């Protein structure tokens, strides 16, 4: 039997990019690529964190509908699609913990910039695909 948590951790921590899908004002999915630098280590809860400008369109979409999807694709032909809820992190200590110098060009006042935000993604279900053996394998379920 597969260890799904280990599959999630392997795929998510190996990817440079996460693809976040939200629902736009017309009711359609809208996907964008985000830097995955905050998820190099995952806890047992598998919650994931993403940096975002708090005035971005995705924040408005999340406020209206927090059901989202994250998608990851490795160089080893493994993919992970996760569905779950996303929320803004307001805890200053946690925001400070996740600050990276690479964010500085986007936030004039650094980690104290009012536009600097962290999003917490709480996964509820998954689809894992492994094409590395030449025979596609699919595993899906709920957490």
C-alpha atoms as a PDB file:
ATOM      1  CA  UNK A   1       0.000   0.000   0.000  1.00  0.00           C
ATOM      2  CA  UNK A   2       1.310   3.457  -0.940  1.00  0.00           C
ATOM      3  CA  UNK A   3       2.241   5.956   1.716  1.00  0.00           C
ATOM      4  CA  UNK A   4       0.287   8.926   0.368  1.00  0.00           C
ATOM      5  CA  UNK A   5       1.798  11.407   2.827  1.00  0.00           C
ATOM      6  CA  UNK A   6       5.268  10.429   1.661  1.00  0.00           C
ATOM      7  CA  UNK A   7       4.178  10.834  -1.969  1.00  0.00           C
ATOM      8  CA  UNK A   8       2.815  14.315  -1.220  1.00  0.00           C
ATOM      9  CA  UNK A   9       5.963  15.329   0.638  1.00  0.00           C
ATOM     10  CA  UNK A  10       8.256  13.975  -2.100  1.00  0.00           C
ATOM     11  CA  UNK A  11       6.445  15.754  -4.925  1.00  0.00           C
ATOM     12  CA  UNK A  12       5.704  19.069  -3.183  1.00  0.00           C
ATOM     13  CA  UNK A  13       9.166  19.543  -1.677  1.00  0.00           C
ATOM     14  CA  UNK A  14      10.901  18.803  -4.985  1.00  0.00           C
ATOM     15  CA  UNK A  15       9.016  21.371  -7.079  1.00  0.00           C
ATOM     16  CA  UNK A  16      10.164  24.940  -7.655  1.00  0.00           C
ATOM     17  CA  UNK A  17       6.701  26.016  -8.789  1.00  0.00           C
ATOM     18  CA  UNK A  18       3.184  25.491  -7.471  1.00  0.00           C
ATOM     19  CA  UNK A  19       0.165  26.125  -9.673  1.00  0.00           C
ATOM     20  CA  UNK A  20      -2.727  27.646  -7.727  1.00  0.00           C
ATOM     21  CA  UNK A  21      -6.254  27.630  -9.138  1.00  0.00           C
ATOM     22  CA  UNK A  22      -9.004  29.826  -7.772  1.00  0.00           C
ATOM     23  CA  UNK A  23     -12.506  30.575  -9.083  1.00  0.00           C
ATOM     24  CA  UNK A  24     -12.871  33.907 -10.891  1.00  0.00           C
ATOM     25  CA  UNK A  25     -15.862  36.263 -10.890  1.00  0.00           C
ATOM     26  CA  UNK A  26     -17.331  34.472 -13.929  1.00  0.00           C
ATOM     27  CA  UNK A  27     -17.255  31.133 -12.085  1.00  0.00           C
ATOM     28  CA  UNK A  28     -14.332  29.685 -14.041  1.00  0.00           C
ATOM     29  CA  UNK A  29     -11.019  28.339 -12.712  1.00  0.00           C
ATOM     30  CA  UNK A  30      -8.073  30.720 -12.961  1.00  0.00           C
ATOM     31  CA  UNK A  31      -4.595  29.240 -12.571  1.00  0.00           C
ATOM     32  CA  UNK A  32      -1.304  30.954 -11.901  1.00  0.00           C
ATOM     33  CA  UNK A  33       2.236  29.813 -11.138  1.00  0.00           C
ATOM     34  CA  UNK A  34       3.678  30.686  -7.730  1.00  0.00           C
ATOM     35  CA  UNK A  35       7.129  30.213  -6.270  1.00  0.00           C
ATOM     36  CA  UNK A  36       7.121  27.127  -4.041  1.00  0.00           C
ATOM     37  CA  UNK A  37      10.055  28.209  -1.840  1.00  0.00           C
ATOM     38  CA  UNK A  38       8.074  28.020   1.421  1.00  0.00           C
ATOM     39  CA  UNK A  39       7.301  24.312   1.141  1.00  0.00           C
ATOM     40  CA  UNK A  40      10.757  22.719   1.252  1.00  0.00           C
ATOM     41  CA  UNK A  41       9.682  20.965   4.464  1.00  0.00           C
ATOM     42  CA  UNK A  42       6.152  19.849   5.242  1.00  0.00           C
ATOM     43  CA  UNK A  43       4.685  18.903   8.603  1.00  0.00           C
ATOM     44  CA  UNK A  44       2.482  15.887   9.236  1.00  0.00           C
ATOM     45  CA  UNK A  45      -0.620  18.026   8.613  1.00  0.00           C
ATOM     46  CA  UNK A  46       0.632  18.656   5.029  1.00  0.00           C
ATOM     47  CA  UNK A  47      -0.475  22.298   5.187  1.00  0.00           C
ATOM     48  CA  UNK A  48       1.314  24.415   2.580  1.00  0.00           C
ATOM     49  CA  UNK A  49       2.199  28.099   2.530  1.00  0.00           C
ATOM     50  CA  UNK A  50       2.422  30.557  -0.352  1.00  0.00           C
ATOM     51  CA  UNK A  51       3.423  34.217  -0.558  1.00  0.00           C
ATOM     52  CA  UNK A  52       1.016  36.649  -2.177  1.00  0.00           C
ATOM     53  CA  UNK A  53       0.437  40.344  -2.653  1.00  0.00           C
ATOM     54  CA  UNK A  54      -2.681  41.100  -0.604  1.00  0.00           C
ATOM     55  CA  UNK A  55      -4.039  43.362  -3.357  1.00  0.00           C
ATOM     56  CA  UNK A  56      -3.829  40.670  -6.026  1.00  0.00           C
ATOM     57  CA  UNK A  57      -6.843  39.350  -7.890  1.00  0.00           C
ATOM     58  CA  UNK A  58      -6.407  35.896  -6.318  1.00  0.00           C
ATOM     59  CA  UNK A  59      -6.952  37.362  -2.836  1.00  0.00           C
ATOM     60  CA  UNK A  60     -10.297  38.816  -3.912  1.00  0.00           C
ATOM     61  CA  UNK A  61     -11.224  35.467  -5.433  1.00  0.00           C
ATOM     62  CA  UNK A  62     -10.216  33.592  -2.267  1.00  0.00           C
ATOM     63  CA  UNK A  63     -12.310  35.934  -0.102  1.00  0.00           C
ATOM     64  CA  UNK A  64     -15.356  34.989  -2.198  1.00  0.00           C
ATOM     65  CA  UNK A  65     -14.550  31.269  -2.459  1.00  0.00           C
ATOM     66  CA  UNK A  66     -11.713  29.691  -0.500  1.00  0.00           C
ATOM     67  CA  UNK A  67     -11.946  26.338  -2.293  1.00  0.00           C
ATOM     68  CA  UNK A  68      -8.769  26.038  -4.341  1.00  0.00           C
ATOM     69  CA  UNK A  69      -6.452  23.575  -6.010  1.00  0.00           C
ATOM     70  CA  UNK A  70      -2.665  23.274  -5.987  1.00  0.00           C
ATOM     71  CA  UNK A  71      -0.852  21.346  -8.689  1.00  0.00           C
ATOM     72  CA  UNK A  72       2.768  20.168  -8.701  1.00  0.00           C
ATOM     73  CA  UNK A  73       4.761  18.464 -11.467  1.00  0.00           C
ATOM     74  CA  UNK A  74       8.213  16.967 -10.892  1.00  0.00           C
ATOM     75  CA  UNK A  75      11.024  16.349 -13.376  1.00  0.00           C
ATOM     76  CA  UNK A  76      10.611  12.624 -12.587  1.00  0.00           C
ATOM     77  CA  UNK A  77       7.167  12.474 -14.249  1.00  0.00           C
ATOM     78  CA  UNK A  78       5.167  12.537 -11.040  1.00  0.00           C
ATOM     79  CA  UNK A  79       2.294  14.947 -10.460  1.00  0.00           C
ATOM     80  CA  UNK A  80       0.199  15.843  -7.442  1.00  0.00           C
ATOM     81  CA  UNK A  81      -3.120  17.643  -7.626  1.00  0.00           C
ATOM     82  CA  UNK A  82      -4.486  18.766  -4.264  1.00  0.00           C
ATOM     83  CA  UNK A  83      -7.902  20.274  -3.535  1.00  0.00           C
ATOM     84  CA  UNK A  84      -8.555  22.121  -0.334  1.00  0.00           C
ATOM     85  CA  UNK A  85      -9.247  25.393   1.416  1.00  0.00           C
ATOM     86  CA  UNK A  86      -6.956  28.386   1.558  1.00  0.00           C
ATOM     87  CA  UNK A  87      -6.835  31.224   4.055  1.00  0.00           C
ATOM     88  CA  UNK A  88      -4.788  34.318   4.757  1.00  0.00           C
ATOM     89  CA  UNK A  89      -2.287  34.030   7.610  1.00  0.00           C
ATOM     90  CA  UNK A  90      -2.584  37.023   9.938  1.00  0.00           C
ATOM     91  CA  UNK A  91      -0.170  35.840  12.641  1.00  0.00           C
ATOM     92  CA  UNK A  92       2.804  38.253  12.520  1.00  0.00           C
ATOM     93  CA  UNK A  93       5.275  35.699  13.904  1.00  0.00           C
ATOM     94  CA  UNK A  94       4.337  33.197  11.212  1.00  0.00           C
ATOM     95  CA  UNK A  95       4.569  35.850   8.489  1.00  0.00           C
ATOM     96  CA  UNK A  96       8.021  36.810   9.812  1.00  0.00           C
ATOM     97  CA  UNK A  97       9.063  33.150   9.795  1.00  0.00           C
ATOM     98  CA  UNK A  98       8.150  32.802   6.126  1.00  0.00           C
ATOM     99  CA  UNK A  99       9.786  36.033   4.937  1.00  0.00           C
ATOM    100  CA  UNK A 100      12.461  35.485   2.286  1.00  0.00           C
ATOM    101  CA  UNK A 101      14.907  38.097   0.999  1.00  0.00           C
ATOM    102  CA  UNK A 102      13.832  37.184  -2.534  1.00  0.00           C
ATOM    103  CA  UNK A 103      10.444  38.807  -1.762  1.00  0.00           C
ATOM    104  CA  UNK A 104      12.070  42.235  -1.144  1.00  0.00           C
ATOM    105  CA  UNK A 105      11.705  43.561  -4.730  1.00  0.00           C
ATOM    106  CA  UNK A 106       7.940  43.146  -4.429  1.00  0.00           C
ATOM    107  CA  UNK A 107       7.479  44.610  -0.945  1.00  0.00           C
ATOM    108  CA  UNK A 108       9.052  48.027  -0.371  1.00  0.00           C
ATOM    109  CA  UNK A 109       8.776  47.796   3.427  1.00  0.00           C
ATOM    110  CA  UNK A 110       9.982  44.222   3.670  1.00  0.00           C
ATOM    111  CA  UNK A 111       8.125  41.835   5.941  1.00  0.00           C
ATOM    112  CA  UNK A 112       6.251  44.801   7.443  1.00  0.00           C
ATOM    113  CA  UNK A 113       4.817  45.863   4.104  1.00  0.00           C
ATOM    114  CA  UNK A 114       1.002  45.879   4.319  1.00  0.00           C
ATOM    115  CA  UNK A 115       0.813  44.153   0.920  1.00  0.00           C
ATOM    116  CA  UNK A 116       2.981  41.201   2.013  1.00  0.00           C
ATOM    117  CA  UNK A 117       0.796  38.212   2.707  1.00  0.00           C
ATOM    118  CA  UNK A 118       1.055  34.516   3.391  1.00  0.00           C
ATOM    119  CA  UNK A 119      -1.619  32.032   2.377  1.00  0.00           C
ATOM    120  CA  UNK A 120      -2.146  28.713   4.146  1.00  0.00           C
ATOM    121  CA  UNK A 121      -3.445  25.871   1.988  1.00  0.00           C
ATOM    122  CA  UNK A 122      -5.166  23.024   3.859  1.00  0.00           C
ATOM    123  CA  UNK A 123      -5.398  19.949   1.610  1.00  0.00           C
ATOM    124  CA  UNK A 124      -8.574  17.850   1.728  1.00  0.00           C
ATOM    125  CA  UNK A 125      -8.165  15.507  -1.247  1.00  0.00           C
ATOM    126  CA  UNK A 126      -5.488  14.474  -3.725  1.00  0.00           C
ATOM    127  CA  UNK A 127      -4.751  12.829  -7.042  1.00  0.00           C
ATOM    128  CA  UNK A 128      -1.247  11.467  -7.493  1.00  0.00           C
ATOM    129  CA  UNK A 129       0.031  10.313 -10.853  1.00  0.00           C
ATOM    130  CA  UNK A 130       3.306   8.494 -11.416  1.00  0.00           C
ATOM    131  CA  UNK A 131       4.379   8.059 -15.019  1.00  0.00           C
ATOM    132  CA  UNK A 132       8.035   7.283 -14.235  1.00  0.00           C
ATOM    133  CA  UNK A 133       7.721   3.513 -14.775  1.00  0.00           C
ATOM    134  CA  UNK A 134       6.183   3.934 -18.221  1.00  0.00           C
ATOM    135  CA  UNK A 135       2.874   2.594 -16.909  1.00  0.00           C
ATOM    136  CA  UNK A 136       0.702   5.410 -15.544  1.00  0.00           C
ATOM    137  CA  UNK A 137      -0.314   4.889 -11.923  1.00  0.00           C
ATOM    138  CA  UNK A 138      -3.093   6.934 -10.334  1.00  0.00           C
ATOM    139  CA  UNK A 139      -3.825   7.157  -6.637  1.00  0.00           C
ATOM    140  CA  UNK A 140      -6.590   9.397  -5.313  1.00  0.00           C
ATOM    141  CA  UNK A 141      -8.338   9.899  -2.028  1.00  0.00           C
ATOM    142  CA  UNK A 142      -9.117  12.183   0.886  1.00  0.00           C
ATOM    143  CA  UNK A 143      -7.082  13.227   3.876  1.00  0.00           C
END
